Amino acid sequence: QLQLVESGGGLVQPGGSLRLTCAASGLTLTYYAIGWFRQAPGKEREGVSCISSSSSIIKYADSVKARFATSRDNTKKTVYLQMNSLKPEDTAVYYCAVTYQSGCPRALEPTVFTSWGQGTQVTVSA
């Protein structure tokens, strides 16, 4: 089973950028799609993006399209989430998770992903 650890969160002003990192250990990352999710206080966990095992398919939630970009380096067992033009409503705990499938699911539903990291806090505030 993969173990996932997120890092890179922090406090940033509106309009700023952060890059989150999801580092994997245990099984090889190469064969599996990875999703990014976030959960704000009092809200349900929502899908942010998904990248397939080969990076051939990348999906984004409408709320982050054109602002966020997901990439991966399988040789480093690492997946990234570059977040630009951050808004206060992006404030949340961000998680990465693995599906144990090569492709991304049709919908970014948390229930499809089976192993999760502990999360990293992102706060967007002036």
Foldseek 3Di string as FASTA:
>chain_A
DKAWAKDWADEAAAQAKIKMKIAIDDDQLQAWKKWKWWDDPPDDIATAWIAFSVSPDIDGDPVQPPFWDWDDDRVRRMIMIIGGRDDQVVWTWMKMFIQSHRDDDPGRDPVNTDHIHPTDTHGYHD
